[in-house]
Amino acid sequence: MLEGRKTYLTALVLALATFARAMGWLEQQQYEIILGLLGSLGLAALRAGMTKG
């Protein structure tokens, strides 16, 4: 289902988090936690894609 789309999905959620921070809906500490989690998830998705390619 998410084959080949995990990295794009992670980037989309990161963009939404950035928008939420810009709108003031998230505090800086919450935003930094989200960045750390999504950054790790994005790297894992890239690594999974490299092993298949």
C-alpha atoms as a PDB file:
ATOM      1  CA  MET A   1       0.000   0.000   0.000  1.00  0.00           C
ATOM      2  CA  LEU A   2       2.711   2.504   0.925  1.00  0.00           C
ATOM      3  CA  GLU A   3       5.269   0.934  -1.394  1.00  0.00           C
ATOM      4  CA  GLY A   4       7.443   3.757  -2.722  1.00  0.00           C
ATOM      5  CA  ARG A   5       5.485   6.469  -0.936  1.00  0.00           C
ATOM      6  CA  LYS A   6       6.834   6.420   2.621  1.00  0.00           C
ATOM      7  CA  THR A   7       9.363   9.191   2.017  1.00  0.00           C
ATOM      8  CA  TYR A   8       6.746  11.406   0.358  1.00  0.00           C
ATOM      9  CA  LEU A   9       4.312  10.771   3.199  1.00  0.00           C
ATOM     10  CA  THR A  10       6.963  11.697   5.759  1.00  0.00           C
ATOM     11  CA  ALA A  11       7.752  14.910   3.864  1.00  0.00           C
ATOM     12  CA  LEU A  12       4.054  15.800   3.737  1.00  0.00           C
ATOM     13  CA  VAL A  13       3.595  15.310   7.479  1.00  0.00           C
ATOM     14  CA  LEU A  14       6.732  17.373   8.094  1.00  0.00           C
ATOM     15  CA  ALA A  15       5.324  20.160   5.915  1.00  0.00           C
ATOM     16  CA  LEU A  16       2.083  20.060   7.902  1.00  0.00           C
ATOM     17  CA  ALA A  17       4.019  20.260  11.165  1.00  0.00           C
ATOM     18  CA  THR A  18       5.951  23.259   9.843  1.00  0.00           C
ATOM     19  CA  PHE A  19       2.688  24.934   8.858  1.00  0.00           C
ATOM     20  CA  ALA A  20       1.244  24.226  12.311  1.00  0.00           C
ATOM     21  CA  ARG A  21       4.331  25.781  13.927  1.00  0.00           C
ATOM     22  CA  ALA A  22       4.086  28.847  11.699  1.00  0.00           C
ATOM     23  CA  MET A  23       0.430  29.273  12.641  1.00  0.00           C
ATOM     24  CA  GLY A  24       1.327  29.075  16.327  1.00  0.00           C
ATOM     25  CA  TRP A  25      -0.529  25.821  16.938  1.00  0.00           C
ATOM     26  CA  LEU A  26       2.647  24.069  18.146  1.00  0.00           C
ATOM     27  CA  GLU A  27       5.225  25.247  20.634  1.00  0.00           C
ATOM     28  CA  GLN A  28       8.910  25.144  19.698  1.00  0.00           C
ATOM     29  CA  GLN A  29       9.618  22.132  21.920  1.00  0.00           C
ATOM     30  CA  GLN A  30       6.741  20.140  20.400  1.00  0.00           C
ATOM     31  CA  TYR A  31       7.923  21.059  16.911  1.00  0.00           C
ATOM     32  CA  GLU A  32      11.482  19.922  17.653  1.00  0.00           C
ATOM     33  CA  ILE A  33      10.221  16.558  18.910  1.00  0.00           C
ATOM     34  CA  ILE A  34       8.169  16.105  15.726  1.00  0.00           C
ATOM     35  CA  LEU A  35      11.195  17.066  13.595  1.00  0.00           C
ATOM     36  CA  GLY A  36      13.332  14.465  15.333  1.00  0.00           C
ATOM     37  CA  LEU A  37      10.768  11.703  14.920  1.00  0.00           C
ATOM     38  CA  LEU A  38       9.965  12.507  11.300  1.00  0.00           C
ATOM     39  CA  GLY A  39      13.626  12.931  10.409  1.00  0.00           C
ATOM     40  CA  SER A  40      14.359   9.452  11.729  1.00  0.00           C
ATOM     41  CA  LEU A  41      11.355   8.020   9.926  1.00  0.00           C
ATOM     42  CA  GLY A  42      12.387   9.684   6.673  1.00  0.00           C
ATOM     43  CA  LEU A  43      15.900   8.293   6.896  1.00  0.00           C
ATOM     44  CA  ALA A  44      14.549   4.813   7.603  1.00  0.00           C
ATOM     45  CA  ALA A  45      12.250   5.072   4.564  1.00  0.00           C
ATOM     46  CA  LEU A  46      15.153   6.154   2.366  1.00  0.00           C
ATOM     47  CA  ARG A  47      17.287   3.289   3.626  1.00  0.00           C
ATOM     48  CA  ALA A  48      14.504   0.787   2.954  1.00  0.00           C
ATOM     49  CA  GLY A  49      14.159   2.165  -0.563  1.00  0.00           C
ATOM     50  CA  MET A  50      17.896   1.838  -1.225  1.00  0.00           C
ATOM     51  CA  THR A  51      17.999  -1.833  -0.245  1.00  0.00           C
ATOM     52  CA  LYS A  52      15.165  -2.611  -2.680  1.00  0.00           C
ATOM     53  CA  GLY A  53      16.657  -0.648  -5.570  1.00  0.00           C
END
